[in-house]
Amino acid sequence: LRAAPNPSFGATRIHFGSIAEGPATLE
């Protein structure tokens, strides 16, 4: 997981990588 920009002024993009397939949620 990585967030950019971080810190941010509001919006930030969360980048994720996973080796597993299936449903996913970001909370």
mmCIF file of all heavy atoms, coordinates in Angstrom:
data_MODEL
# 
_entry.id   MODEL 
# 
loop_
_atom_site.group_PDB 
_atom_site.id 
_atom_site.type_symbol 
_atom_site.label_atom_id 
_atom_site.label_alt_id 
_atom_site.label_comp_id 
_atom_site.label_asym_id 
_atom_site.label_entity_id 
_atom_site.label_seq_id 
_atom_site.pdbx_PDB_ins_code 
_atom_site.Cartn_x 
_atom_site.Cartn_y 
_atom_site.Cartn_z 
_atom_site.occupancy 
_atom_site.B_iso_or_equiv 
_atom_site.pdbx_formal_charge 
_atom_site.auth_seq_id 
_atom_site.auth_comp_id 
_atom_site.auth_asym_id 
_atom_site.auth_atom_id 
_atom_site.pdbx_PDB_model_num 
ATOM 1   N N   . LEU A 1 1  ? 0.844   -1.190  0.000   1.00 0.00 ? 1  LEU A N   1 
ATOM 2   C CA  . LEU A 1 1  ? 0.000   0.000   0.000   1.00 0.00 ? 1  LEU A CA  1 
ATOM 3   C C   . LEU A 1 1  ? 0.874   1.233   0.000   1.00 0.00 ? 1  LEU A C   1 
ATOM 4   O O   . LEU A 1 1  ? 1.908   1.266   0.670   1.00 0.00 ? 1  LEU A O   1 
ATOM 5   C CB  . LEU A 1 1  ? -0.896  0.037   1.236   1.00 0.00 ? 1  LEU A CB  1 
ATOM 6   C CG  . LEU A 1 1  ? -2.114  -0.900  1.282   1.00 0.00 ? 1  LEU A CG  1 
ATOM 7   C CD1 . LEU A 1 1  ? -2.746  -0.846  2.663   1.00 0.00 ? 1  LEU A CD1 1 
ATOM 8   C CD2 . LEU A 1 1  ? -3.122  -0.513  0.227   1.00 0.00 ? 1  LEU A CD2 1 
ATOM 9   N N   . ARG A 1 2  ? 0.439   2.253   -0.738  1.00 0.00 ? 2  ARG A N   1 
ATOM 10  C CA  . ARG A 1 2  ? 1.135   3.527   -0.725  1.00 0.00 ? 2  ARG A CA  1 
ATOM 11  C C   . ARG A 1 2  ? 0.150   4.626   -1.084  1.00 0.00 ? 2  ARG A C   1 
ATOM 12  O O   . ARG A 1 2  ? -0.720  4.430   -1.934  1.00 0.00 ? 2  ARG A O   1 
ATOM 13  C CB  . ARG A 1 2  ? 2.300   3.546   -1.726  1.00 0.00 ? 2  ARG A CB  1 
ATOM 14  C CG  . ARG A 1 2  ? 3.207   4.764   -1.612  1.00 0.00 ? 2  ARG A CG  1 
ATOM 15  C CD  . ARG A 1 2  ? 4.368   4.666   -2.592  1.00 0.00 ? 2  ARG A CD  1 
ATOM 16  N NE  . ARG A 1 2  ? 3.929   4.872   -3.954  1.00 0.00 ? 2  ARG A NE  1 
ATOM 17  C CZ  . ARG A 1 2  ? 3.793   6.083   -4.514  1.00 0.00 ? 2  ARG A CZ  1 
ATOM 18  N NH1 . ARG A 1 2  ? 4.082   7.170   -3.824  1.00 0.00 ? 2  ARG A NH1 1 
ATOM 19  N NH2 . ARG A 1 2  ? 3.408   6.206   -5.763  1.00 0.00 ? 2  ARG A NH2 1 
ATOM 20  N N   . ALA A 1 3  ? 0.269   5.772   -0.410  1.00 0.00 ? 3  ALA A N   1 
ATOM 21  C CA  . ALA A 1 3  ? -0.587  6.917   -0.695  1.00 0.00 ? 3  ALA A CA  1 
ATOM 22  C C   . ALA A 1 3  ? 0.265   8.035   -1.274  1.00 0.00 ? 3  ALA A C   1 
ATOM 23  O O   . ALA A 1 3  ? 1.372   8.289   -0.807  1.00 0.00 ? 3  ALA A O   1 
ATOM 24  C CB  . ALA A 1 3  ? -1.285  7.406   0.568   1.00 0.00 ? 3  ALA A CB  1 
ATOM 25  N N   . ALA A 1 4  ? -0.241  8.695   -2.311  1.00 0.00 ? 4  ALA A N   1 
ATOM 26  C CA  . ALA A 1 4  ? 0.482   9.814   -2.911  1.00 0.00 ? 4  ALA A CA  1 
ATOM 27  C C   . ALA A 1 4  ? -0.532  10.797  -3.495  1.00 0.00 ? 4  ALA A C   1 
ATOM 28  O O   . ALA A 1 4  ? -1.433  10.388  -4.219  1.00 0.00 ? 4  ALA A O   1 
ATOM 29  C CB  . ALA A 1 4  ? 1.435   9.324   -4.003  1.00 0.00 ? 4  ALA A CB  1 
ATOM 30  N N   . PRO A 1 5  ? -0.427  12.093  -3.175  1.00 0.00 ? 5  PRO A N   1 
ATOM 31  C CA  . PRO A 1 5  ? 0.557   12.654  -2.238  1.00 0.00 ? 5  PRO A CA  1 
ATOM 32  C C   . PRO A 1 5  ? 0.209   12.336  -0.797  1.00 0.00 ? 5  PRO A C   1 
ATOM 33  O O   . PRO A 1 5  ? -0.950  12.127  -0.470  1.00 0.00 ? 5  PRO A O   1 
ATOM 34  C CB  . PRO A 1 5  ? 0.452   14.165  -2.498  1.00 0.00 ? 5  PRO A CB  1 
ATOM 35  C CG  . PRO A 1 5  ? -0.947  14.362  -2.967  1.00 0.00 ? 5  PRO A CG  1 
ATOM 36  C CD  . PRO A 1 5  ? -1.294  13.136  -3.772  1.00 0.00 ? 5  PRO A CD  1 
ATOM 37  N N   . ASN A 1 6  ? 1.194   12.296  0.038   1.00 0.00 ? 6  ASN A N   1 
ATOM 38  C CA  . ASN A 1 6  ? 1.001   12.016  1.454   1.00 0.00 ? 6  ASN A CA  1 
ATOM 39  C C   . ASN A 1 6  ? 2.145   12.666  2.229   1.00 0.00 ? 6  ASN A C   1 
ATOM 40  O O   . ASN A 1 6  ? 3.277   12.217  2.131   1.00 0.00 ? 6  ASN A O   1 
ATOM 41  C CB  . ASN A 1 6  ? 0.993   10.510  1.697   1.00 0.00 ? 6  ASN A CB  1 
ATOM 42  C CG  . ASN A 1 6  ? 0.599   10.156  3.116   1.00 0.00 ? 6  ASN A CG  1 
ATOM 43  O OD1 . ASN A 1 6  ? 0.043   10.984  3.822   1.00 0.00 ? 6  ASN A OD1 1 
ATOM 44  N ND2 . ASN A 1 6  ? 0.902   8.932   3.520   1.00 0.00 ? 6  ASN A ND2 1 
ATOM 45  N N   . PRO A 1 7  ? 1.917   13.771  2.944   1.00 0.00 ? 7  PRO A N   1 
ATOM 46  C CA  . PRO A 1 7  ? 0.619   14.352  3.271   1.00 0.00 ? 7  PRO A CA  1 
ATOM 47  C C   . PRO A 1 7  ? -0.052  15.010  2.068   1.00 0.00 ? 7  PRO A C   1 
ATOM 48  O O   . PRO A 1 7  ? 0.595   15.313  1.082   1.00 0.00 ? 7  PRO A O   1 
ATOM 49  C CB  . PRO A 1 7  ? 0.964   15.382  4.345   1.00 0.00 ? 7  PRO A CB  1 
ATOM 50  C CG  . PRO A 1 7  ? 2.373   15.768  4.055   1.00 0.00 ? 7  PRO A CG  1 
ATOM 51  C CD  . PRO A 1 7  ? 3.045   14.505  3.560   1.00 0.00 ? 7  PRO A CD  1 
ATOM 52  N N   . SER A 1 8  ? -1.362  15.224  2.197   1.00 0.00 ? 8  SER A N   1 
ATOM 53  C CA  . SER A 1 8  ? -2.114  15.837  1.111   1.00 0.00 ? 8  SER A CA  1 
ATOM 54  C C   . SER A 1 8  ? -2.934  16.994  1.658   1.00 0.00 ? 8  SER A C   1 
ATOM 55  O O   . SER A 1 8  ? -3.064  17.176  2.866   1.00 0.00 ? 8  SER A O   1 
ATOM 56  C CB  . SER A 1 8  ? -3.040  14.808  0.457   1.00 0.00 ? 8  SER A CB  1 
ATOM 57  O OG  . SER A 1 8  ? -4.181  14.593  1.256   1.00 0.00 ? 8  SER A OG  1 
ATOM 58  N N   . PHE A 1 9  ? -3.491  17.753  0.729   1.00 0.00 ? 9  PHE A N   1 
ATOM 59  C CA  . PHE A 1 9  ? -4.386  18.855  1.111   1.00 0.00 ? 9  PHE A CA  1 
ATOM 60  C C   . PHE A 1 9  ? -5.844  18.411  1.043   1.00 0.00 ? 9  PHE A C   1 
ATOM 61  O O   . PHE A 1 9  ? -6.743  19.214  1.189   1.00 0.00 ? 9  PHE A O   1 
ATOM 62  C CB  . PHE A 1 9  ? -4.175  20.048  0.174   1.00 0.00 ? 9  PHE A CB  1 
ATOM 63  C CG  . PHE A 1 9  ? -2.752  20.493  0.117   1.00 0.00 ? 9  PHE A CG  1 
ATOM 64  C CD1 . PHE A 1 9  ? -2.010  20.355  -1.044  1.00 0.00 ? 9  PHE A CD1 1 
ATOM 65  C CD2 . PHE A 1 9  ? -2.137  21.020  1.228   1.00 0.00 ? 9  PHE A CD2 1 
ATOM 66  C CE1 . PHE A 1 9  ? -0.692  20.747  -1.093  1.00 0.00 ? 9  PHE A CE1 1 
ATOM 67  C CE2 . PHE A 1 9  ? -0.817  21.420  1.175   1.00 0.00 ? 9  PHE A CE2 1 
ATOM 68  C CZ  . PHE A 1 9  ? -0.097  21.281  0.018   1.00 0.00 ? 9  PHE A CZ  1 
ATOM 69  N N   . GLY A 1 10 ? -6.096  17.172  0.819   1.00 0.00 ? 10 GLY A N   1 
ATOM 70  C CA  . GLY A 1 10 ? -7.460  16.663  0.701   1.00 0.00 ? 10 GLY A CA  1 
ATOM 71  C C   . GLY A 1 10 ? -7.455  15.353  -0.039  1.00 0.00 ? 10 GLY A C   1 
ATOM 72  O O   . GLY A 1 10 ? -7.475  14.285  0.558   1.00 0.00 ? 10 GLY A O   1 
ATOM 73  N N   . ALA A 1 11 ? -7.398  15.420  -1.382  1.00 0.00 ? 11 ALA A N   1 
ATOM 74  C CA  . ALA A 1 11 ? -7.447  14.201  -2.180  1.00 0.00 ? 11 ALA A CA  1 
ATOM 75  C C   . ALA A 1 11 ? -6.083  13.514  -2.198  1.00 0.00 ? 11 ALA A C   1 
ATOM 76  O O   . ALA A 1 11 ? -5.041  14.161  -2.255  1.00 0.00 ? 11 ALA A O   1 
ATOM 77  C CB  . ALA A 1 11 ? -7.885  14.520  -3.604  1.00 0.00 ? 11 ALA A CB  1 
ATOM 78  N N   . THR A 1 12 ? -6.118  12.198  -2.161  1.00 0.00 ? 12 THR A N   1 
ATOM 79  C CA  . THR A 1 12 ? -4.888  11.416  -2.278  1.00 0.00 ? 12 THR A CA  1 
ATOM 80  C C   . THR A 1 12 ? -5.235  10.107  -2.979  1.00 0.00 ? 12 THR A C   1 
ATOM 81  O O   . THR A 1 12 ? -6.361  9.615   -2.880  1.00 0.00 ? 12 THR A O   1 
ATOM 82  C CB  . THR A 1 12 ? -4.258  11.147  -0.908  1.00 0.00 ? 12 THR A CB  1 
ATOM 83  O OG1 . THR A 1 12 ? -2.968  10.536  -1.084  1.00 0.00 ? 12 THR A OG1 1 
ATOM 84  C CG2 . THR A 1 12 ? -5.108  10.236  -0.052  1.00 0.00 ? 12 THR A CG2 1 
ATOM 85  N N   . ARG A 1 13 ? -4.287  9.577   -3.718  1.00 0.00 ? 13 ARG A N   1 
ATOM 86  C CA  . ARG A 1 13 ? -4.508  8.311   -4.414  1.00 0.00 ? 13 ARG A CA  1 
ATOM 87  C C   . ARG A 1 13 ? -3.840  7.193   -3.624  1.00 0.00 ? 13 ARG A C   1 
ATOM 88  O O   . ARG A 1 13 ? -2.658  7.272   -3.300  1.00 0.00 ? 13 ARG A O   1 
ATOM 89  C CB  . ARG A 1 13 ? -3.957  8.363   -5.842  1.00 0.00 ? 13 ARG A CB  1 
ATOM 90  C CG  . ARG A 1 13 ? -4.261  7.108   -6.663  1.00 0.00 ? 13 ARG A CG  1 
ATOM 91  C CD  . ARG A 1 13 ? -3.766  7.227   -8.097  1.00 0.00 ? 13 ARG A CD  1 
ATOM 92  N NE  . ARG A 1 13 ? -4.552  8.166   -8.870  1.00 0.00 ? 13 ARG A NE  1 
ATOM 93  C CZ  . ARG A 1 13 ? -5.672  7.855   -9.508  1.00 0.00 ? 13 ARG A CZ  1 
ATOM 94  N NH1 . ARG A 1 13 ? -6.132  6.610   -9.464  1.00 0.00 ? 13 ARG A NH1 1 
ATOM 95  N NH2 . ARG A 1 13 ? -6.314  8.772   -10.210 1.00 0.00 ? 13 ARG A NH2 1 
ATOM 96  N N   . ILE A 1 14 ? -4.625  6.152   -3.320  1.00 0.00 ? 14 ILE A N   1 
ATOM 97  C CA  . ILE A 1 14 ? -4.111  4.990   -2.601  1.00 0.00 ? 14 ILE A CA  1 
ATOM 98  C C   . ILE A 1 14 ? -3.752  3.928   -3.625  1.00 0.00 ? 14 ILE A C   1 
ATOM 99  O O   . ILE A 1 14 ? -4.614  3.420   -4.350  1.00 0.00 ? 14 ILE A O   1 
ATOM 100 C CB  . ILE A 1 14 ? -5.155  4.426   -1.613  1.00 0.00 ? 14 ILE A CB  1 
ATOM 101 C CG1 . ILE A 1 14 ? -5.817  5.541   -0.799  1.00 0.00 ? 14 ILE A CG1 1 
ATOM 102 C CG2 . ILE A 1 14 ? -4.508  3.382   -0.706  1.00 0.00 ? 14 ILE A CG2 1 
ATOM 103 C CD1 . ILE A 1 14 ? -4.876  6.320   0.068   1.00 0.00 ? 14 ILE A CD1 1 
ATOM 104 N N   . HIS A 1 15 ? -2.476  3.621   -3.715  1.00 0.00 ? 15 HIS A N   1 
ATOM 105 C CA  . HIS A 1 15 ? -1.993  2.583   -4.622  1.00 0.00 ? 15 HIS A CA  1 
ATOM 106 C C   . HIS A 1 15 ? -1.881  1.270   -3.852  1.00 0.00 ? 15 HIS A C   1 
ATOM 107 O O   . HIS A 1 15 ? -1.408  1.248   -2.714  1.00 0.00 ? 15 HIS A O   1 
ATOM 108 C CB  . HIS A 1 15 ? -0.617  2.949   -5.184  1.00 0.00 ? 15 HIS A CB  1 
ATOM 109 C CG  . HIS A 1 15 ? -0.603  4.243   -5.927  1.00 0.00 ? 15 HIS A CG  1 
ATOM 110 N ND1 . HIS A 1 15 ? -0.887  4.335   -7.264  1.00 0.00 ? 15 HIS A ND1 1 
ATOM 111 C CD2 . HIS A 1 15 ? -0.328  5.505   -5.512  1.00 0.00 ? 15 HIS A CD2 1 
ATOM 112 C CE1 . HIS A 1 15 ? -0.791  5.591   -7.655  1.00 0.00 ? 15 HIS A CE1 1 
ATOM 113 N NE2 . HIS A 1 15 ? -0.461  6.326   -6.615  1.00 0.00 ? 15 HIS A NE2 1 
ATOM 114 N N   . PHE A 1 16 ? -2.319  0.192   -4.468  1.00 0.00 ? 16 PHE A N   1 
ATOM 115 C CA  . PHE A 1 16 ? -2.262  -1.092  -3.788  1.00 0.00 ? 16 PHE A CA  1 
ATOM 116 C C   . PHE A 1 16 ? -1.798  -2.171  -4.742  1.00 0.00 ? 16 PHE A C   1 
ATOM 117 O O   . PHE A 1 16 ? -2.008  -2.112  -5.946  1.00 0.00 ? 16 PHE A O   1 
ATOM 118 C CB  . PHE A 1 16 ? -3.626  -1.464  -3.188  1.00 0.00 ? 16 PHE A CB  1 
ATOM 119 C CG  . PHE A 1 16 ? -4.757  -1.436  -4.176  1.00 0.00 ? 16 PHE A CG  1 
ATOM 120 C CD1 . PHE A 1 16 ? -5.068  -2.549  -4.951  1.00 0.00 ? 16 PHE A CD1 1 
ATOM 121 C CD2 . PHE A 1 16 ? -5.511  -0.284  -4.334  1.00 0.00 ? 16 PHE A CD2 1 
ATOM 122 C CE1 . PHE A 1 16 ? -6.101  -2.515  -5.861  1.00 0.00 ? 16 PHE A CE1 1 
ATOM 123 C CE2 . PHE A 1 16 ? -6.559  -0.246  -5.247  1.00 0.00 ? 16 PHE A CE2 1 
ATOM 124 C CZ  . PHE A 1 16 ? -6.854  -1.356  -6.022  1.00 0.00 ? 16 PHE A CZ  1 
ATOM 125 N N   . GLY A 1 17 ? -1.144  -3.177  -4.173  1.00 0.00 ? 17 GLY A N   1 
ATOM 126 C CA  . GLY A 1 17 ? -0.745  -4.348  -4.918  1.00 0.00 ? 17 GLY A CA  1 
ATOM 127 C C   . GLY A 1 17 ? -1.098  -5.571  -4.104  1.00 0.00 ? 17 GLY A C   1 
ATOM 128 O O   . GLY A 1 17 ? -0.938  -5.591  -2.885  1.00 0.00 ? 17 GLY A O   1 
ATOM 129 N N   . SER A 1 18 ? -1.647  -6.580  -4.712  1.00 0.00 ? 18 SER A N   1 
ATOM 130 C CA  . SER A 1 18 ? -2.042  -7.789  -4.003  1.00 0.00 ? 18 SER A CA  1 
ATOM 131 C C   . SER A 1 18 ? -1.808  -8.985  -4.912  1.00 0.00 ? 18 SER A C   1 
ATOM 132 O O   . SER A 1 18 ? -2.106  -8.919  -6.098  1.00 0.00 ? 18 SER A O   1 
ATOM 133 C CB  . SER A 1 18 ? -3.516  -7.722  -3.591  1.00 0.00 ? 18 SER A CB  1 
ATOM 134 O OG  . SER A 1 18 ? -3.955  -8.966  -3.103  1.00 0.00 ? 18 SER A OG  1 
ATOM 135 N N   . ILE A 1 19 ? -1.365  -10.092 -4.339  1.00 0.00 ? 19 ILE A N   1 
ATOM 136 C CA  . ILE A 1 19 ? -1.177  -11.290 -5.151  1.00 0.00 ? 19 ILE A CA  1 
ATOM 137 C C   . ILE A 1 19 ? -2.441  -12.128 -5.200  1.00 0.00 ? 19 ILE A C   1 
ATOM 138 O O   . ILE A 1 19 ? -2.519  -13.086 -5.952  1.00 0.00 ? 19 ILE A O   1 
ATOM 139 C CB  . ILE A 1 19 ? -0.006  -12.147 -4.612  1.00 0.00 ? 19 ILE A CB  1 
ATOM 140 C CG1 . ILE A 1 19 ? -0.332  -12.660 -3.215  1.00 0.00 ? 19 ILE A CG1 1 
ATOM 141 C CG2 . ILE A 1 19 ? 1.285   -11.375 -4.629  1.00 0.00 ? 19 ILE A CG2 1 
ATOM 142 C CD1 . ILE A 1 19 ? 0.603   -13.753 -2.749  1.00 0.00 ? 19 ILE A CD1 1 
ATOM 143 N N   . ALA A 1 20 ? -3.456  -11.753 -4.376  1.00 0.00 ? 20 ALA A N   1 
ATOM 144 C CA  . ALA A 1 20 ? -4.668  -12.565 -4.301  1.00 0.00 ? 20 ALA A CA  1 
ATOM 145 C C   . ALA A 1 20 ? -5.782  -11.948 -5.137  1.00 0.00 ? 20 ALA A C   1 
ATOM 146 O O   . ALA A 1 20 ? -5.943  -10.738 -5.190  1.00 0.00 ? 20 ALA A O   1 
ATOM 147 C CB  . ALA A 1 20 ? -5.127  -12.696 -2.852  1.00 0.00 ? 20 ALA A CB  1 
ATOM 148 N N   . GLU A 1 21 ? -6.580  -12.821 -5.773  1.00 0.00 ? 21 GLU A N   1 
ATOM 149 C CA  . GLU A 1 21 ? -7.746  -12.362 -6.508  1.00 0.00 ? 21 GLU A CA  1 
ATOM 150 C C   . GLU A 1 21 ? -8.978  -12.452 -5.622  1.00 0.00 ? 21 GLU A C   1 
ATOM 151 O O   . GLU A 1 21 ? -9.031  -13.240 -4.691  1.00 0.00 ? 21 GLU A O   1 
ATOM 152 C CB  . GLU A 1 21 ? -7.945  -13.200 -7.776  1.00 0.00 ? 21 GLU A CB  1 
ATOM 153 C CG  . GLU A 1 21 ? -6.796  -13.079 -8.768  1.00 0.00 ? 21 GLU A CG  1 
ATOM 154 C CD  . GLU A 1 21 ? -7.087  -13.816 -10.058 1.00 0.00 ? 21 GLU A CD  1 
ATOM 155 O OE1 . GLU A 1 21 ? -8.206  -14.342 -10.189 1.00 0.00 ? 21 GLU A OE1 1 
ATOM 156 O OE2 . GLU A 1 21 ? -6.194  -13.859 -10.910 1.00 0.00 ? 21 GLU A OE2 1 
ATOM 157 N N   . GLY A 1 22 ? -9.989  -11.624 -5.931  1.00 0.00 ? 22 GLY A N   1 
ATOM 158 C CA  . GLY A 1 22 ? -11.232 -11.690 -5.169  1.00 0.00 ? 22 GLY A CA  1 
ATOM 159 C C   . GLY A 1 22 ? -11.740 -10.315 -4.823  1.00 0.00 ? 22 GLY A C   1 
ATOM 160 O O   . GLY A 1 22 ? -11.148 -9.303  -5.195  1.00 0.00 ? 22 GLY A O   1 
ATOM 161 N N   . PRO A 1 23 ? -12.887 -10.246 -4.109  1.00 0.00 ? 23 PRO A N   1 
ATOM 162 C CA  . PRO A 1 23 ? -13.458 -8.955  -3.730  1.00 0.00 ? 23 PRO A CA  1 
ATOM 163 C C   . PRO A 1 23 ? -12.484 -8.158  -2.869  1.00 0.00 ? 23 PRO A C   1 
ATOM 164 O O   . PRO A 1 23 ? -11.733 -8.712  -2.075  1.00 0.00 ? 23 PRO A O   1 
ATOM 165 C CB  . PRO A 1 23 ? -14.708 -9.353  -2.930  1.00 0.00 ? 23 PRO A CB  1 
ATOM 166 C CG  . PRO A 1 23 ? -15.006 -10.759 -3.328  1.00 0.00 ? 23 PRO A CG  1 
ATOM 167 C CD  . PRO A 1 23 ? -13.683 -11.383 -3.627  1.00 0.00 ? 23 PRO A CD  1 
ATOM 168 N N   . ALA A 1 24 ? -12.525 -6.834  -3.020  1.00 0.00 ? 24 ALA A N   1 
ATOM 169 C CA  . ALA A 1 24 ? -11.628 -5.974  -2.247  1.00 0.00 ? 24 ALA A CA  1 
ATOM 170 C C   . ALA A 1 24 ? -12.356 -4.682  -1.903  1.00 0.00 ? 24 ALA A C   1 
ATOM 171 O O   . ALA A 1 24 ? -13.143 -4.167  -2.694  1.00 0.00 ? 24 ALA A O   1 
ATOM 172 C CB  . ALA A 1 24 ? -10.360 -5.664  -3.024  1.00 0.00 ? 24 ALA A CB  1 
ATOM 173 N N   . THR A 1 25 ? -12.096 -4.172  -0.716  1.00 0.00 ? 25 THR A N   1 
ATOM 174 C CA  . THR A 1 25 ? -12.635 -2.885  -0.295  1.00 0.00 ? 25 THR A CA  1 
ATOM 175 C C   . THR A 1 25 ? -11.515 -2.061  0.323   1.00 0.00 ? 25 THR A C   1 
ATOM 176 O O   . THR A 1 25 ? -10.592 -2.599  0.945   1.00 0.00 ? 25 THR A O   1 
ATOM 177 C CB  . THR A 1 25 ? -13.762 -3.037  0.743   1.00 0.00 ? 25 THR A CB  1 
ATOM 178 O OG1 . THR A 1 25 ? -13.258 -3.748  1.880   1.00 0.00 ? 25 THR A OG1 1 
ATOM 179 C CG2 . THR A 1 25 ? -14.963 -3.754  0.157   1.00 0.00 ? 25 THR A CG2 1 
ATOM 180 N N   . LEU A 1 26 ? -11.609 -0.761  0.139   1.00 0.00 ? 26 LEU A N   1 
ATOM 181 C CA  . LEU A 1 26 ? -10.660 0.168   0.733   1.00 0.00 ? 26 LEU A CA  1 
ATOM 182 C C   . LEU A 1 26 ? -11.451 1.059   1.686   1.00 0.00 ? 26 LEU A C   1 
ATOM 183 O O   . LEU A 1 26 ? -12.339 1.800   1.257   1.00 0.00 ? 26 LEU A O   1 
ATOM 184 C CB  . LEU A 1 26 ? -9.976  1.010   -0.340  1.00 0.00 ? 26 LEU A CB  1 
ATOM 185 C CG  . LEU A 1 26 ? -8.885  1.966   0.148   1.00 0.00 ? 26 LEU A CG  1 
ATOM 186 C CD1 . LEU A 1 26 ? -7.669  1.192   0.648   1.00 0.00 ? 26 LEU A CD1 1 
ATOM 187 C CD2 . LEU A 1 26 ? -8.465  2.922   -0.964  1.00 0.00 ? 26 LEU A CD2 1 
ATOM 188 N N   . GLU A 1 27 ? -11.122 0.990   2.960   1.00 0.00 ? 27 GLU A N   1 
ATOM 189 C CA  . GLU A 1 27 ? -11.865 1.730   3.980   1.00 0.00 ? 27 GLU A CA  1 
ATOM 190 C C   . GLU A 1 27 ? -10.966 2.795   4.596   1.00 0.00 ? 27 GLU A C   1 
ATOM 191 O O   . GLU A 1 27 ? -9.806  2.533   4.903   1.00 0.00 ? 27 GLU A O   1 
ATOM 192 C CB  . GLU A 1 27 ? -12.363 0.779   5.068   1.00 0.00 ? 27 GLU A CB  1 
ATOM 193 C CG  . GLU A 1 27 ? -13.298 1.441   6.065   1.00 0.00 ? 27 GLU A CG  1 
ATOM 194 C CD  . GLU A 1 27 ? -13.852 0.437   7.073   1.00 0.00 ? 27 GLU A CD  1 
ATOM 195 O OE1 . GLU A 1 27 ? -13.307 -0.687  7.159   1.00 0.00 ? 27 GLU A OE1 1 
ATOM 196 O OE2 . GLU A 1 27 ? -14.821 0.780   7.774   1.00 0.00 ? 27 GLU A OE2 1 
# 
